[in-house]
Amino acid sequence: TKNFMRGSLVHDALYQLMREQHLDPDVYRVQADKELAAICEEDGMSLVRAAWVYAGVRIGGRGSAVGDKPIIEAP
């Protein structure tokens, strides 16, 4: 089976940087979402499935990028 974790890890790291206000989500969110789809394709995901992944993060990802959720840190 294919492992598509690399794209998710990169995308999650970029979103975390946006949540922590190191990157402006209005500037970098679209590129982060495109990078996720590109890495998924590089790792063997079909173009159709990568397009669905991209659509999903475009539709539902804003709250995770703009810091609407509190940042919880381990003790």
C-alpha atoms as a PDB file:
ATOM      1  CA  THR A   1       0.000   0.000   0.000  1.00  0.00           C
ATOM      2  CA  LYS A   2       1.041   3.587  -0.565  1.00  0.00           C
ATOM      3  CA  ASN A   3       1.958   5.901   2.289  1.00  0.00           C
ATOM      4  CA  PHE A   4       0.682   9.441   1.880  1.00  0.00           C
ATOM      5  CA  MET A   5       1.903  10.744   5.244  1.00  0.00           C
ATOM      6  CA  ARG A   6       4.603  13.039   3.848  1.00  0.00           C
ATOM      7  CA  GLY A   7       2.114  15.488   2.325  1.00  0.00           C
ATOM      8  CA  SER A   8       0.030  15.528   5.475  1.00  0.00           C
ATOM      9  CA  LEU A   9       3.056  16.190   7.679  1.00  0.00           C
ATOM     10  CA  VAL A  10       4.278  19.097   5.538  1.00  0.00           C
ATOM     11  CA  HIS A  11       0.763  20.557   5.323  1.00  0.00           C
ATOM     12  CA  ASP A  12       0.179  20.244   9.065  1.00  0.00           C
ATOM     13  CA  ALA A  13       3.516  21.942   9.814  1.00  0.00           C
ATOM     14  CA  LEU A  14       2.666  24.852   7.506  1.00  0.00           C
ATOM     15  CA  TYR A  15      -0.776  25.227   9.095  1.00  0.00           C
ATOM     16  CA  GLN A  16       0.802  25.210  12.551  1.00  0.00           C
ATOM     17  CA  LEU A  17       3.120  28.030  11.485  1.00  0.00           C
ATOM     18  CA  MET A  18       0.047  29.953  10.330  1.00  0.00           C
ATOM     19  CA  ARG A  19      -1.828  29.287  13.588  1.00  0.00           C
ATOM     20  CA  GLU A  20       1.184  30.528  15.557  1.00  0.00           C
ATOM     21  CA  GLN A  21       1.265  33.658  13.344  1.00  0.00           C
ATOM     22  CA  HIS A  22       4.698  32.940  11.827  1.00  0.00           C
ATOM     23  CA  LEU A  23       3.078  32.805   8.361  1.00  0.00           C
ATOM     24  CA  ASP A  24       0.152  34.899   7.142  1.00  0.00           C
ATOM     25  CA  PRO A  25      -2.679  32.509   6.196  1.00  0.00           C
ATOM     26  CA  ASP A  26      -4.047  35.028   3.688  1.00  0.00           C
ATOM     27  CA  VAL A  27      -0.732  34.790   1.836  1.00  0.00           C
ATOM     28  CA  TYR A  28       0.382  31.174   2.391  1.00  0.00           C
ATOM     29  CA  ARG A  29      -2.699  28.990   2.904  1.00  0.00           C
ATOM     30  CA  VAL A  30      -3.475  28.429  -0.781  1.00  0.00           C
ATOM     31  CA  GLN A  31       0.158  27.510  -1.467  1.00  0.00           C
ATOM     32  CA  ALA A  32       0.223  25.138   1.527  1.00  0.00           C
ATOM     33  CA  ASP A  33      -2.898  23.397   0.195  1.00  0.00           C
ATOM     34  CA  LYS A  34      -1.400  23.160  -3.310  1.00  0.00           C
ATOM     35  CA  GLU A  35       1.804  21.738  -1.843  1.00  0.00           C
ATOM     36  CA  LEU A  36      -0.205  19.026  -0.080  1.00  0.00           C
ATOM     37  CA  ALA A  37      -1.804  17.955  -3.357  1.00  0.00           C
ATOM     38  CA  ALA A  38       1.530  18.098  -5.215  1.00  0.00           C
ATOM     39  CA  ILE A  39       3.302  15.923  -2.637  1.00  0.00           C
ATOM     40  CA  CYS A  40       0.427  13.437  -2.667  1.00  0.00           C
ATOM     41  CA  GLU A  41       0.749  13.189  -6.460  1.00  0.00           C
ATOM     42  CA  GLU A  42       4.555  12.814  -6.204  1.00  0.00           C
ATOM     43  CA  ASP A  43       4.030   9.953  -3.759  1.00  0.00           C
ATOM     44  CA  GLY A  44       1.713   8.103  -6.155  1.00  0.00           C
ATOM     45  CA  MET A  45      -1.781   9.352  -5.366  1.00  0.00           C
ATOM     46  CA  SER A  46      -4.037   9.617  -8.403  1.00  0.00           C
ATOM     47  CA  LEU A  47      -4.721  13.090  -9.781  1.00  0.00           C
ATOM     48  CA  VAL A  48      -8.431  12.712  -9.020  1.00  0.00           C
ATOM     49  CA  ARG A  49      -7.858  11.726  -5.411  1.00  0.00           C
ATOM     50  CA  ALA A  50      -5.270  14.505  -4.923  1.00  0.00           C
ATOM     51  CA  ALA A  51      -7.826  16.975  -6.311  1.00  0.00           C
ATOM     52  CA  TRP A  52     -10.351  15.763  -3.719  1.00  0.00           C
ATOM     53  CA  VAL A  53      -7.752  16.170  -0.962  1.00  0.00           C
ATOM     54  CA  TYR A  54      -7.070  19.715  -2.181  1.00  0.00           C
ATOM     55  CA  ALA A  55     -10.793  20.527  -2.332  1.00  0.00           C
ATOM     56  CA  GLY A  56     -11.251  19.199   1.186  1.00  0.00           C
ATOM     57  CA  VAL A  57      -8.580  21.388   2.738  1.00  0.00           C
ATOM     58  CA  ARG A  58      -9.750  24.427   0.746  1.00  0.00           C
ATOM     59  CA  ILE A  59     -13.320  23.946   1.996  1.00  0.00           C
ATOM     60  CA  GLY A  60     -12.660  22.924   5.580  1.00  0.00           C
ATOM     61  CA  GLY A  61      -9.153  24.022   6.495  1.00  0.00           C
ATOM     62  CA  ARG A  62      -9.458  27.737   7.241  1.00  0.00           C
ATOM     63  CA  GLY A  63     -10.270  27.295  10.926  1.00  0.00           C
ATOM     64  CA  SER A  64      -7.135  25.231  11.369  1.00  0.00           C
ATOM     65  CA  ALA A  65      -4.949  27.891   9.759  1.00  0.00           C
ATOM     66  CA  VAL A  66      -6.207  31.098  11.347  1.00  0.00           C
ATOM     67  CA  GLY A  67      -5.953  30.145  14.989  1.00  0.00           C
ATOM     68  CA  ASP A  68      -9.642  29.812  15.826  1.00  0.00           C
ATOM     69  CA  LYS A  69      -8.696  26.862  18.011  1.00  0.00           C
ATOM     70  CA  PRO A  70      -6.620  27.263  21.181  1.00  0.00           C
ATOM     71  CA  ILE A  71      -3.055  25.978  21.029  1.00  0.00           C
ATOM     72  CA  ILE A  72      -2.609  23.238  23.611  1.00  0.00           C
ATOM     73  CA  GLU A  73       0.894  22.502  24.800  1.00  0.00           C
ATOM     74  CA  ALA A  74       2.086  19.464  26.689  1.00  0.00           C
ATOM     75  CA  PRO A  75       3.230  20.092  30.263  1.00  0.00           C
END
